[in-house]
C-alpha atoms as a PDB file:
ATOM      1  CA  MET A   1     -14.589  84.093 108.491  1.00  0.00           C
ATOM      2  CA  GLU A   2     -13.136  81.187 110.455  1.00  0.00           C
ATOM      3  CA  GLN A   3      -9.975  79.542 109.126  1.00  0.00           C
ATOM      4  CA  LYS A   4     -11.731  76.238 108.397  1.00  0.00           C
ATOM      5  CA  GLU A   5     -14.498  77.816 106.315  1.00  0.00           C
ATOM      6  CA  ASN A   6     -12.049  80.104 104.529  1.00  0.00           C
ATOM      7  CA  TYR A   7      -9.806  77.153 103.612  1.00  0.00           C
ATOM      8  CA  LEU A   8     -12.689  75.103 102.228  1.00  0.00           C
ATOM      9  CA  ARG A   9     -14.007  78.075 100.260  1.00  0.00           C
ATOM     10  CA  ALA A  10     -10.574  78.549  98.703  1.00  0.00           C
ATOM     11  CA  VAL A  11     -10.559  74.886  97.671  1.00  0.00           C
ATOM     12  CA  ARG A  12     -14.042  75.060  96.155  1.00  0.00           C
ATOM     13  CA  PHE A  13     -13.716  78.478  94.466  1.00  0.00           C
ATOM     14  CA  GLU A  14     -16.391  79.950  96.754  1.00  0.00           C
ATOM     15  CA  ARG A  15     -14.867  83.406  97.338  1.00  0.00           C
ATOM     16  CA  PRO A  16     -12.752  83.056 100.489  1.00  0.00           C
ATOM     17  CA  ASP A  17     -12.049  86.155 102.535  1.00  0.00           C
ATOM     18  CA  TYR A  18      -8.294  85.742 102.123  1.00  0.00           C
ATOM     19  CA  ILE A  19      -5.644  83.519 100.554  1.00  0.00           C
ATOM     20  CA  PRO A  20      -4.669  80.777 103.026  1.00  0.00           C
ATOM     21  CA  MET A  21      -0.969  81.206 103.806  1.00  0.00           C
ATOM     22  CA  VAL A  22       1.294  78.870 105.803  1.00  0.00           C
ATOM     23  CA  PHE A  23       4.789  79.741 106.987  1.00  0.00           C
ATOM     24  CA  ALA A  24       6.340  76.455 108.181  1.00  0.00           C
ATOM     25  CA  ILE A  25       9.558  76.660 110.207  1.00  0.00           C
ATOM     26  CA  ASN A  26      11.782  73.588 110.141  1.00  0.00           C
ATOM     27  CA  ASP A  27      13.077  72.603 113.572  1.00  0.00           C
ATOM     28  CA  ALA A  28      16.691  72.994 112.435  1.00  0.00           C
ATOM     29  CA  CYS A  29      16.076  76.754 112.268  1.00  0.00           C
ATOM     30  CA  TYR A  30      15.906  77.053 116.037  1.00  0.00           C
ATOM     31  CA  ASN A  31      19.605  76.194 116.184  1.00  0.00           C
ATOM     32  CA  ALA A  32      20.546  78.156 113.055  1.00  0.00           C
ATOM     33  CA  TYR A  33      19.059  81.577 113.962  1.00  0.00           C
ATOM     34  CA  PRO A  34      19.049  83.629 117.158  1.00  0.00           C
ATOM     35  CA  GLN A  35      15.903  82.295 118.780  1.00  0.00           C
ATOM     36  CA  GLU A  36      14.782  85.628 120.197  1.00  0.00           C
ATOM     37  CA  GLU A  37      14.925  87.207 116.730  1.00  0.00           C
ATOM     38  CA  LEU A  38      13.035  84.375 115.077  1.00  0.00           C
ATOM     39  CA  PHE A  39      10.342  84.406 117.746  1.00  0.00           C
ATOM     40  CA  ALA A  40      10.070  88.189 117.513  1.00  0.00           C
ATOM     41  CA  LEU A  41       9.366  87.878 113.791  1.00  0.00           C
ATOM     42  CA  MET A  42       6.684  85.295 114.495  1.00  0.00           C
ATOM     43  CA  GLU A  43       5.022  87.460 117.142  1.00  0.00           C
ATOM     44  CA  SER A  44       5.031  90.453 114.802  1.00  0.00           C
ATOM     45  CA  HIS A  45       3.153  88.522 112.082  1.00  0.00           C
ATOM     46  CA  PRO A  46      -0.086  87.437 113.770  1.00  0.00           C
ATOM     47  CA  LYS A  47      -1.848  86.576 110.508  1.00  0.00           C
ATOM     48  CA  LEU A  48       0.715  83.873 109.843  1.00  0.00           C
ATOM     49  CA  PHE A  49       1.105  82.856 113.486  1.00  0.00           C
ATOM     50  CA  PRO A  50      -2.237  83.578 115.152  1.00  0.00           C
ATOM     51  CA  GLY A  51      -2.079  83.462 118.943  1.00  0.00           C
ATOM     52  CA  PHE A  52       1.658  82.769 118.997  1.00  0.00           C
ATOM     53  CA  THR A  53       3.588  83.668 122.132  1.00  0.00           C
ATOM     54  CA  ALA A  54       7.326  83.063 122.337  1.00  0.00           C
ATOM     55  CA  PRO A  55       8.259  80.160 124.642  1.00  0.00           C
ATOM     56  CA  PRO A  56      10.921  80.427 127.343  1.00  0.00           C
ATOM     57  CA  LEU A  57      14.468  80.456 125.989  1.00  0.00           C
ATOM     58  CA  PRO A  58      16.398  78.438 125.098  1.00  0.00           C
ATOM     59  CA  TYR A  59      13.761  76.579 123.120  1.00  0.00           C
ATOM     60  CA  ARG A  60      14.495  72.908 122.445  1.00  0.00           C
ATOM     61  CA  PRO A  61      12.372  71.314 119.707  1.00  0.00           C
ATOM     62  CA  ASN A  62      11.195  67.741 119.946  1.00  0.00           C
ATOM     63  CA  TYR A  63      12.830  66.492 116.782  1.00  0.00           C
ATOM     64  CA  ALA A  64      11.072  63.872 114.702  1.00  0.00           C
ATOM     65  CA  ARG A  65      12.468  60.368 115.023  1.00  0.00           C
ATOM     66  CA  VAL A  66      13.835  60.537 111.460  1.00  0.00           C
ATOM     67  CA  ALA A  67      15.516  63.913 112.131  1.00  0.00           C
ATOM     68  CA  ARG A  68      17.782  63.341 115.137  1.00  0.00           C
ATOM     69  CA  LYS A  69      21.515  63.770 114.687  1.00  0.00           C
ATOM     70  CA  ASP A  70      23.641  60.792 115.714  1.00  0.00           C
ATOM     71  CA  ALA A  71      20.509  58.796 116.567  1.00  0.00           C
ATOM     72  CA  PRO A  72      19.781  56.298 113.770  1.00  0.00           C
ATOM     73  CA  TYR A  73      16.108  55.344 113.686  1.00  0.00           C
ATOM     74  CA  ARG A  74      14.620  52.140 112.318  1.00  0.00           C
ATOM     75  CA  ASP A  75      11.049  52.815 111.224  1.00  0.00           C
ATOM     76  CA  ASP A  76       8.032  50.521 111.222  1.00  0.00           C
ATOM     77  CA  PHE A  77       8.929  49.147 107.780  1.00  0.00           C
ATOM     78  CA  GLY A  78      12.464  48.285 108.910  1.00  0.00           C
ATOM     79  CA  CYS A  79      14.191  51.173 107.111  1.00  0.00           C
ATOM     80  CA  LEU A  80      17.156  52.745 108.928  1.00  0.00           C
ATOM     81  CA  TRP A  81      17.208  56.569 108.901  1.00  0.00           C
ATOM     82  CA  GLU A  82      20.257  58.739 109.619  1.00  0.00           C
ATOM     83  CA  THR A  83      20.824  62.499 109.571  1.00  0.00           C
ATOM     84  CA  THR A  84      23.736  64.803 110.332  1.00  0.00           C
ATOM     85  CA  VAL A  85      21.652  67.828 111.387  1.00  0.00           C
ATOM     86  CA  ASP A  86      19.031  67.921 114.128  1.00  0.00           C
ATOM     87  CA  GLY A  87      15.690  68.810 112.581  1.00  0.00           C
ATOM     88  CA  ILE A  88      16.546  67.860 109.004  1.00  0.00           C
ATOM     89  CA  THR A  89      14.878  64.642 107.868  1.00  0.00           C
ATOM     90  CA  GLY A  90      17.545  62.058 107.224  1.00  0.00           C
ATOM     91  CA  THR A  91      17.975  59.504 104.511  1.00  0.00           C
ATOM     92  CA  VAL A  92      17.497  55.758 104.563  1.00  0.00           C
ATOM     93  CA  THR A  93      20.909  54.115 104.762  1.00  0.00           C
ATOM     94  CA  LYS A  94      19.791  50.494 105.149  1.00  0.00           C
ATOM     95  CA  HIS A  95      16.974  48.995 103.109  1.00  0.00           C
ATOM     96  CA  PRO A  96      15.225  45.975 104.633  1.00  0.00           C
ATOM     97  CA  LEU A  97      14.658  44.352 101.225  1.00  0.00           C
ATOM     98  CA  ALA A  98      17.891  45.338  99.540  1.00  0.00           C
ATOM     99  CA  ASP A  99      17.966  41.632  98.671  1.00  0.00           C
ATOM    100  CA  TRP A 100      14.738  39.922  97.629  1.00  0.00           C
ATOM    101  CA  SER A 101      15.807  36.825  99.573  1.00  0.00           C
ATOM    102  CA  ALA A 102      14.368  38.465 102.698  1.00  0.00           C
ATOM    103  CA  PHE A 103      10.924  38.930 101.149  1.00  0.00           C
ATOM    104  CA  ASP A 104       9.288  35.686 102.278  1.00  0.00           C
ATOM    105  CA  SER A 105       9.609  36.681 105.945  1.00  0.00           C
ATOM    106  CA  TYR A 106       8.898  40.397 105.421  1.00  0.00           C
ATOM    107  CA  ARG A 107       5.742  41.759 107.062  1.00  0.00           C
ATOM    108  CA  ALA A 108       3.956  45.100 106.918  1.00  0.00           C
ATOM    109  CA  PRO A 109       3.490  47.132 110.091  1.00  0.00           C
ATOM    110  CA  ASP A 110       0.106  47.425 111.794  1.00  0.00           C
ATOM    111  CA  PRO A 111      -1.867  50.598 110.906  1.00  0.00           C
ATOM    112  CA  ASP A 112      -3.845  50.225 114.142  1.00  0.00           C
ATOM    113  CA  VAL A 113      -0.798  51.220 116.181  1.00  0.00           C
ATOM    114  CA  CYS A 114       1.647  53.063 113.909  1.00  0.00           C
ATOM    115  CA  MET A 115       1.920  55.468 110.980  1.00  0.00           C
ATOM    116  CA  GLY A 116       4.904  53.817 109.317  1.00  0.00           C
ATOM    117  CA  ILE A 117       7.402  56.156 110.968  1.00  0.00           C
ATOM    118  CA  GLY A 118       6.294  55.832 114.573  1.00  0.00           C
ATOM    119  CA  PRO A 119       3.372  55.083 116.889  1.00  0.00           C
ATOM    120  CA  ILE A 120      -0.041  56.739 116.703  1.00  0.00           C
ATOM    121  CA  ASP A 121      -2.944  56.934 119.155  1.00  0.00           C
ATOM    122  CA  TRP A 122      -6.135  56.885 117.119  1.00  0.00           C
ATOM    123  CA  GLN A 123      -8.383  57.270 120.133  1.00  0.00           C
ATOM    124  CA  GLN A 124      -6.592  60.468 121.136  1.00  0.00           C
ATOM    125  CA  ILE A 125      -6.874  61.849 117.606  1.00  0.00           C
ATOM    126  CA  ARG A 126     -10.574  61.084 117.617  1.00  0.00           C
ATOM    127  CA  ARG A 127     -11.000  62.889 120.956  1.00  0.00           C
ATOM    128  CA  ASP A 128      -8.991  65.912 119.790  1.00  0.00           C
ATOM    129  CA  ILE A 129     -11.094  66.299 116.633  1.00  0.00           C
ATOM    130  CA  ALA A 130     -14.363  65.907 118.519  1.00  0.00           C
ATOM    131  CA  ALA A 131     -13.279  68.568 121.014  1.00  0.00           C
ATOM    132  CA  THR A 132     -12.459  71.172 118.322  1.00  0.00           C
ATOM    133  CA  PRO A 133     -15.129  70.924 115.600  1.00  0.00           C
ATOM    134  CA  ASN A 134     -14.548  74.509 114.428  1.00  0.00           C
ATOM    135  CA  LEU A 135     -10.908  73.869 113.538  1.00  0.00           C
ATOM    136  CA  LEU A 136      -9.692  72.460 110.231  1.00  0.00           C
ATOM    137  CA  HIS A 137      -8.525  68.885 110.739  1.00  0.00           C
ATOM    138  CA  MET A 138      -6.307  67.237 108.164  1.00  0.00           C
ATOM    139  CA  GLY A 139      -5.561  63.561 108.013  1.00  0.00           C
ATOM    140  CA  GLY A 140      -3.255  61.831 105.659  1.00  0.00           C
ATOM    141  CA  LEU A 141      -0.478  59.445 104.898  1.00  0.00           C
ATOM    142  CA  ARG A 142       3.107  59.922 105.989  1.00  0.00           C
ATOM    143  CA  HIS A 143       5.284  61.760 103.500  1.00  0.00           C
ATOM    144  CA  GLY A 144       6.620  59.240 101.004  1.00  0.00           C
ATOM    145  CA  HIS A 145       3.750  56.801 101.349  1.00  0.00           C
ATOM    146  CA  THR A 146       4.084  54.775  98.125  1.00  0.00           C
ATOM    147  CA  PHE A 147       6.880  55.469  95.612  1.00  0.00           C
ATOM    148  CA  LEU A 148       9.353  56.699  98.206  1.00  0.00           C
ATOM    149  CA  GLN A 149       8.335  53.884 100.535  1.00  0.00           C
ATOM    150  CA  LEU A 150       9.301  51.447  97.802  1.00  0.00           C
ATOM    151  CA  CYS A 151      12.614  53.294  97.409  1.00  0.00           C
ATOM    152  CA  ASP A 152      13.225  53.108 101.157  1.00  0.00           C
ATOM    153  CA  ILE A 153      12.470  49.404 101.326  1.00  0.00           C
ATOM    154  CA  ARG A 154      14.306  48.296  98.175  1.00  0.00           C
ATOM    155  CA  GLY A 155      16.701  51.148  97.399  1.00  0.00           C
ATOM    156  CA  TYR A 156      16.161  53.489  94.432  1.00  0.00           C
ATOM    157  CA  GLN A 157      18.430  51.691  91.975  1.00  0.00           C
ATOM    158  CA  ASN A 158      17.007  48.285  92.858  1.00  0.00           C
ATOM    159  CA  LEU A 159      13.489  49.672  92.429  1.00  0.00           C
ATOM    160  CA  MET A 160      14.270  51.009  88.972  1.00  0.00           C
ATOM    161  CA  PHE A 161      15.564  47.567  87.937  1.00  0.00           C
ATOM    162  CA  ASP A 162      12.462  45.958  89.457  1.00  0.00           C
ATOM    163  CA  MET A 163      10.228  48.179  87.350  1.00  0.00           C
ATOM    164  CA  ALA A 164      12.239  47.552  84.206  1.00  0.00           C
ATOM    165  CA  ASP A 165      12.160  43.787  84.837  1.00  0.00           C
ATOM    166  CA  GLU A 166       8.491  43.677  85.869  1.00  0.00           C
ATOM    167  CA  GLU A 167       9.649  41.821  88.982  1.00  0.00           C
ATOM    168  CA  PRO A 168       6.647  39.788  90.265  1.00  0.00           C
ATOM    169  CA  ARG A 169       7.544  40.373  93.914  1.00  0.00           C
ATOM    170  CA  LEU A 170       7.394  44.116  93.325  1.00  0.00           C
ATOM    171  CA  PHE A 171       3.644  43.868  92.732  1.00  0.00           C
ATOM    172  CA  GLN A 172       3.302  41.931  95.988  1.00  0.00           C
ATOM    173  CA  LEU A 173       5.296  44.581  97.838  1.00  0.00           C
ATOM    174  CA  ILE A 174       3.143  47.355  96.362  1.00  0.00           C
ATOM    175  CA  GLU A 175       0.032  45.519  97.530  1.00  0.00           C
ATOM    176  CA  LEU A 176       1.502  45.154 101.026  1.00  0.00           C
ATOM    177  CA  ILE A 177       2.200  48.913 101.265  1.00  0.00           C
ATOM    178  CA  GLU A 178      -1.174  49.748  99.761  1.00  0.00           C
ATOM    179  CA  HIS A 179      -3.000  47.625 102.339  1.00  0.00           C
ATOM    180  CA  PHE A 180      -1.181  49.407 105.162  1.00  0.00           C
ATOM    181  CA  ASN A 181      -1.921  52.835 103.685  1.00  0.00           C
ATOM    182  CA  LEU A 182      -5.614  52.028 103.298  1.00  0.00           C
ATOM    183  CA  GLY A 183      -5.696  51.136 106.973  1.00  0.00           C
ATOM    184  CA  ILE A 184      -4.323  54.570 107.877  1.00  0.00           C
ATOM    185  CA  ILE A 185      -6.867  56.303 105.641  1.00  0.00           C
ATOM    186  CA  GLN A 186      -9.780  54.363 107.126  1.00  0.00           C
ATOM    187  CA  HIS A 187      -8.689  55.353 110.623  1.00  0.00           C
ATOM    188  CA  TYR A 188      -8.576  59.047 109.682  1.00  0.00           C
ATOM    189  CA  LEU A 189     -11.972  58.844 108.018  1.00  0.00           C
ATOM    190  CA  ALA A 190     -13.391  57.269 111.178  1.00  0.00           C
ATOM    191  CA  CYS A 191     -11.905  60.128 113.211  1.00  0.00           C
ATOM    192  CA  GLY A 192     -13.811  62.703 111.149  1.00  0.00           C
ATOM    193  CA  VAL A 193     -11.082  64.709 109.409  1.00  0.00           C
ATOM    194  CA  ASP A 194     -11.999  67.503 106.967  1.00  0.00           C
ATOM    195  CA  VAL A 195      -9.257  67.037 104.332  1.00  0.00           C
ATOM    196  CA  MET A 196      -7.171  64.036 103.306  1.00  0.00           C
ATOM    197  CA  THR A 197      -3.554  64.602 102.290  1.00  0.00           C
ATOM    198  CA  TYR A 198      -1.240  62.431 100.197  1.00  0.00           C
ATOM    199  CA  GLY A 199       2.332  63.659 100.095  1.00  0.00           C
ATOM    200  CA  GLU A 200       5.467  62.310  98.529  1.00  0.00           C
ATOM    201  CA  ASP A 201       8.193  63.646  96.271  1.00  0.00           C
ATOM    202  CA  LEU A 202       8.266  62.412  92.692  1.00  0.00           C
ATOM    203  CA  GLY A 203      10.251  65.148  90.945  1.00  0.00           C
ATOM    204  CA  MET A 204      13.863  66.161  90.546  1.00  0.00           C
ATOM    205  CA  GLN A 205      15.306  69.510  89.463  1.00  0.00           C
ATOM    206  CA  VAL A 206      14.449  68.577  85.879  1.00  0.00           C
ATOM    207  CA  GLY A 207      11.879  65.861  85.310  1.00  0.00           C
ATOM    208  CA  PRO A 208      10.566  63.156  87.616  1.00  0.00           C
ATOM    209  CA  MET A 209      12.346  60.257  89.356  1.00  0.00           C
ATOM    210  CA  LEU A 210      10.419  57.733  87.316  1.00  0.00           C
ATOM    211  CA  SER A 211       8.969  57.833  83.825  1.00  0.00           C
ATOM    212  CA  PRO A 212       5.306  58.582  83.150  1.00  0.00           C
ATOM    213  CA  ASP A 213       4.889  54.996  81.921  1.00  0.00           C
ATOM    214  CA  GLN A 214       6.402  53.652  85.146  1.00  0.00           C
ATOM    215  CA  PHE A 215       4.172  55.910  87.200  1.00  0.00           C
ATOM    216  CA  ARG A 216       1.061  54.685  85.376  1.00  0.00           C
ATOM    217  CA  ARG A 217       2.091  51.051  85.623  1.00  0.00           C
ATOM    218  CA  PHE A 218       3.281  50.813  89.216  1.00  0.00           C
ATOM    219  CA  ILE A 219       2.182  53.859  91.251  1.00  0.00           C
ATOM    220  CA  LYS A 220      -0.978  55.417  89.833  1.00  0.00           C
ATOM    221  CA  PRO A 221      -3.219  52.399  90.540  1.00  0.00           C
ATOM    222  CA  SER A 222      -2.319  52.631  94.229  1.00  0.00           C
ATOM    223  CA  TYR A 223      -2.876  56.385  94.269  1.00  0.00           C
ATOM    224  CA  GLN A 224      -6.373  55.951  92.910  1.00  0.00           C
ATOM    225  CA  LYS A 225      -7.213  53.185  95.369  1.00  0.00           C
ATOM    226  CA  LEU A 226      -5.966  55.349  98.246  1.00  0.00           C
ATOM    227  CA  ILE A 227      -7.943  58.386  97.093  1.00  0.00           C
ATOM    228  CA  ARG A 228     -11.201  56.553  96.552  1.00  0.00           C
ATOM    229  CA  PRO A 229     -12.377  56.073 100.196  1.00  0.00           C
ATOM    230  CA  ALA A 230     -11.860  59.753 101.058  1.00  0.00           C
ATOM    231  CA  LYS A 231     -13.419  60.872  97.799  1.00  0.00           C
ATOM    232  CA  GLU A 232     -16.477  58.744  98.480  1.00  0.00           C
ATOM    233  CA  LYS A 233     -16.825  60.544 101.827  1.00  0.00           C
ATOM    234  CA  GLY A 234     -16.776  63.891 100.037  1.00  0.00           C
ATOM    235  CA  LEU A 235     -13.453  65.048 101.487  1.00  0.00           C
ATOM    236  CA  PRO A 236     -11.164  67.389  99.524  1.00  0.00           C
ATOM    237  CA  ILE A 237      -8.080  65.520  98.309  1.00  0.00           C
ATOM    238  CA  HIS A 238      -4.720  67.283  98.772  1.00  0.00           C
ATOM    239  CA  MET A 239      -1.818  65.873  96.750  1.00  0.00           C
ATOM    240  CA  HIS A 240       1.795  66.980  97.244  1.00  0.00           C
ATOM    241  CA  SER A 241       5.034  66.460  95.385  1.00  0.00           C
ATOM    242  CA  ASP A 242       8.288  68.375  95.327  1.00  0.00           C
ATOM    243  CA  GLY A 243      10.314  68.702  92.163  1.00  0.00           C
ATOM    244  CA  ASP A 244       9.502  68.949  88.465  1.00  0.00           C
ATOM    245  CA  ILE A 245       6.307  66.909  88.031  1.00  0.00           C
ATOM    246  CA  ARG A 246       4.978  68.439  84.822  1.00  0.00           C
ATOM    247  CA  THR A 247       5.039  65.172  82.877  1.00  0.00           C
ATOM    248  CA  LEU A 248       3.280  63.308  85.704  1.00  0.00           C
ATOM    249  CA  VAL A 249       0.747  65.828  86.911  1.00  0.00           C
ATOM    250  CA  ASP A 250      -2.210  64.760  84.761  1.00  0.00           C
ATOM    251  CA  ASP A 251      -1.905  61.241  86.114  1.00  0.00           C
ATOM    252  CA  ILE A 252      -1.310  62.484  89.667  1.00  0.00           C
ATOM    253  CA  ILE A 253      -4.555  64.458  89.773  1.00  0.00           C
ATOM    254  CA  ASP A 254      -6.600  61.884  87.892  1.00  0.00           C
ATOM    255  CA  GLY A 255      -9.169  60.403  90.227  1.00  0.00           C
ATOM    256  CA  GLY A 256     -10.423  63.506  91.975  1.00  0.00           C
ATOM    257  CA  VAL A 257      -7.582  65.603  93.376  1.00  0.00           C
ATOM    258  CA  GLU A 258      -8.902  69.056  94.352  1.00  0.00           C
ATOM    259  CA  ILE A 259      -5.708  70.595  95.757  1.00  0.00           C
ATOM    260  CA  ILE A 260      -2.312  70.216  94.106  1.00  0.00           C
ATOM    261  CA  ASN A 261       0.712  71.255  96.166  1.00  0.00           C
ATOM    262  CA  LEU A 262       3.726  71.786  93.915  1.00  0.00           C
ATOM    263  CA  GLN A 263       6.821  73.954  93.770  1.00  0.00           C
ATOM    264  CA  ASP A 264       6.737  77.257  91.950  1.00  0.00           C
ATOM    265  CA  LEU A 265       9.970  77.915  90.047  1.00  0.00           C
ATOM    266  CA  VAL A 266      10.976  74.344  89.211  1.00  0.00           C
ATOM    267  CA  ASN A 267       7.618  73.832  87.460  1.00  0.00           C
ATOM    268  CA  GLY A 268       7.240  77.437  86.314  1.00  0.00           C
ATOM    269  CA  ILE A 269       4.743  80.014  87.549  1.00  0.00           C
ATOM    270  CA  ASP A 270       3.261  80.599  84.103  1.00  0.00           C
ATOM    271  CA  TRP A 271       2.985  76.854  83.447  1.00  0.00           C
ATOM    272  CA  ILE A 272       1.188  76.356  86.768  1.00  0.00           C
ATOM    273  CA  ALA A 273      -1.163  79.253  86.051  1.00  0.00           C
ATOM    274  CA  ASN A 274      -1.969  78.024  82.548  1.00  0.00           C
ATOM    275  CA  ARG A 275      -2.519  74.459  83.714  1.00  0.00           C
ATOM    276  CA  PHE A 276      -4.468  74.983  86.948  1.00  0.00           C
ATOM    277  CA  ALA A 277      -5.714  78.534  87.522  1.00  0.00           C
ATOM    278  CA  GLY A 278      -9.487  78.513  87.856  1.00  0.00           C
ATOM    279  CA  LYS A 279      -9.646  74.710  87.553  1.00  0.00           C
ATOM    280  CA  ILE A 280      -7.967  73.066  90.553  1.00  0.00           C
ATOM    281  CA  CYS A 281      -6.876  74.717  93.779  1.00  0.00           C
ATOM    282  CA  VAL A 282      -3.111  75.326  93.812  1.00  0.00           C
ATOM    283  CA  ASP A 283      -1.291  75.084  97.129  1.00  0.00           C
ATOM    284  CA  LEU A 284       1.827  76.805  95.875  1.00  0.00           C
ATOM    285  CA  ASP A 285       5.147  75.901  97.480  1.00  0.00           C
ATOM    286  CA  ILE A 286       7.231  79.087  97.443  1.00  0.00           C
ATOM    287  CA  ASP A 287      10.831  78.894  96.169  1.00  0.00           C
ATOM    288  CA  ARG A 288      13.530  77.973  98.686  1.00  0.00           C
ATOM    289  CA  GLN A 289      16.464  77.678  96.294  1.00  0.00           C
ATOM    290  CA  LYS A 290      16.864  80.908  94.371  1.00  0.00           C
ATOM    291  CA  VAL A 291      14.960  84.103  95.096  1.00  0.00           C
ATOM    292  CA  THR A 292      14.375  83.640  98.819  1.00  0.00           C
ATOM    293  CA  ARG A 293      17.932  82.387  99.347  1.00  0.00           C
ATOM    294  CA  PHE A 294      19.912  84.759  97.153  1.00  0.00           C
ATOM    295  CA  GLY A 295      17.512  87.559  96.227  1.00  0.00           C
ATOM    296  CA  THR A 296      16.692  90.849  97.938  1.00  0.00           C
ATOM    297  CA  PRO A 297      13.589  91.700  99.958  1.00  0.00           C
ATOM    298  CA  LYS A 298      12.365  93.586  96.886  1.00  0.00           C
ATOM    299  CA  ASP A 299      12.836  90.451  94.746  1.00  0.00           C
ATOM    300  CA  ILE A 300      10.832  88.438  97.256  1.00  0.00           C
ATOM    301  CA  GLU A 301       7.947  90.899  97.300  1.00  0.00           C
ATOM    302  CA  ALA A 302       7.881  90.819  93.492  1.00  0.00           C
ATOM    303  CA  LEU A 303       7.848  87.011  93.456  1.00  0.00           C
ATOM    304  CA  ILE A 304       4.883  86.756  95.824  1.00  0.00           C
ATOM    305  CA  ARG A 305       2.994  89.443  93.909  1.00  0.00           C
ATOM    306  CA  LYS A 306       3.578  87.682  90.593  1.00  0.00           C
ATOM    307  CA  GLU A 307       2.378  84.356  91.969  1.00  0.00           C
ATOM    308  CA  VAL A 308      -0.750  85.792  93.561  1.00  0.00           C
ATOM    309  CA  THR A 309      -1.758  87.742  90.463  1.00  0.00           C
ATOM    310  CA  ALA A 310      -0.939  84.922  88.030  1.00  0.00           C
ATOM    311  CA  ILE A 311      -2.713  82.072  89.842  1.00  0.00           C
ATOM    312  CA  GLY A 312      -5.166  83.616  92.311  1.00  0.00           C
ATOM    313  CA  SER A 313      -8.587  85.176  91.849  1.00  0.00           C
ATOM    314  CA  LYS A 314     -11.482  86.553  93.865  1.00  0.00           C
ATOM    315  CA  GLN A 315     -13.167  83.167  93.475  1.00  0.00           C
ATOM    316  CA  GLY A 316     -10.326  81.377  95.275  1.00  0.00           C
ATOM    317  CA  GLY A 317      -8.246  78.463  94.073  1.00  0.00           C
ATOM    318  CA  LEU A 318      -4.930  79.559  95.582  1.00  0.00           C
ATOM    319  CA  MET A 319      -3.091  78.767  98.794  1.00  0.00           C
ATOM    320  CA  MET A 320       0.576  79.342  99.505  1.00  0.00           C
ATOM    321  CA  ILE A 321       3.133  77.723 101.770  1.00  0.00           C
ATOM    322  CA  TYR A 322       6.735  78.531 102.556  1.00  0.00           C
ATOM    323  CA  GLY A 323       9.090  76.155 104.322  1.00  0.00           C
ATOM    324  CA  LEU A 324      11.906  77.935 106.161  1.00  0.00           C
ATOM    325  CA  TYR A 325      15.208  76.106 106.429  1.00  0.00           C
ATOM    326  CA  PRO A 326      18.610  77.361 107.659  1.00  0.00           C
ATOM    327  CA  ASP A 327      20.746  79.761 105.591  1.00  0.00           C
ATOM    328  CA  ILE A 328      17.951  82.054 104.408  1.00  0.00           C
ATOM    329  CA  PRO A 329      19.022  85.590 105.480  1.00  0.00           C
ATOM    330  CA  LEU A 330      16.878  86.921 108.309  1.00  0.00           C
ATOM    331  CA  GLU A 331      16.027  90.050 106.332  1.00  0.00           C
ATOM    332  CA  ASN A 332      14.621  87.760 103.663  1.00  0.00           C
ATOM    333  CA  VAL A 333      12.665  85.817 106.272  1.00  0.00           C
ATOM    334  CA  LYS A 334      11.049  89.090 107.345  1.00  0.00           C
ATOM    335  CA  ALA A 335      10.410  90.064 103.721  1.00  0.00           C
ATOM    336  CA  LEU A 336       8.650  86.755 103.122  1.00  0.00           C
ATOM    337  CA  MET A 337       6.484  87.102 106.194  1.00  0.00           C
ATOM    338  CA  ASP A 338       5.632  90.682 105.260  1.00  0.00           C
ATOM    339  CA  ALA A 339       4.745  89.785 101.671  1.00  0.00           C
ATOM    340  CA  MET A 340       2.678  86.749 102.611  1.00  0.00           C
ATOM    341  CA  GLU A 341       0.653  88.750 105.120  1.00  0.00           C
ATOM    342  CA  ASN A 342       0.283  91.709 102.772  1.00  0.00           C
ATOM    343  CA  TYR A 343      -0.945  89.599  99.838  1.00  0.00           C
ATOM    344  CA  MET A 344      -3.313  87.394 101.834  1.00  0.00           C
ATOM    345  CA  GLY A 345      -6.062  89.915 101.172  1.00  0.00           C
ATOM    346  CA  TYR A 346      -5.036  90.943  97.664  1.00  0.00           C
ATOM    347  CA  PHE A 347      -8.413  90.019  96.176  1.00  0.00           C
ATOM    348  CA  ASP A 348     -10.488  91.488  98.980  1.00  0.00           C
END
């Protein structure tokens, strides 16, 4: 079964051949690990890295604009990003509307030419999709499209005061961001993508960064407006958030979300299974803080097995993703790759 069909069957509980697994390697890893060893692991796991061939060494990644050490980047919304490690997404250090006095002259970027964090060529995307109809094509908003965008523009503390005060200009700013985001979504729909993704982080280690009431009042209406055009086209809706989102999740998925991407241990494997298994496809984000960082290869194999058996089924409804960042022991990297490949076909 082709990857595209298998993915869509997993989403729709139509008995996929295997559990879709993604092993995403952050660009900072290419400076943190011996490159030849990392590439050898990738070549030896063809199910996770189909068709991969190691590039000439040394390999130099093309770091994202928001992830370049000693190279501050001002994005399309006027937010200044800085990072201390090449490959690791930085943080916004200067907020363009830290003071509301600048609001009258503030303008949104143009979705015809940029994504919010850099330029985009819609004609090229359209050509690429048309040339590869058998591949799965995902479109979506930049990570941090609404709540985090507000944080980046105003600053988190200012935003919390704005919400508490029901600041009238906040509603205008939300509308400005929403209009831009809808422009991005309409472009992707016109290009013919297969899945629409909406990713931003709402959770902390314990609980979310805003209250459920704040989410319903200020963020959820935008989410539902942004989902609606893709839903009307019949596209699966993929929603992502890091952190503990248990008190927000019902509102997050309200409106037609078919795939929820959330973190395993911070939300709880059993809680995720009880809440979603057999109902909504779970794109499970595998732990990066505890077991894979400090556990043994045996612990890692047990974690993946528990997650697959607790949430997955022959009908589908489970995907898994692991994001590799520096400081994970290489033996644990191998154990993860082994376990993810081994359990892809658990329900076969």
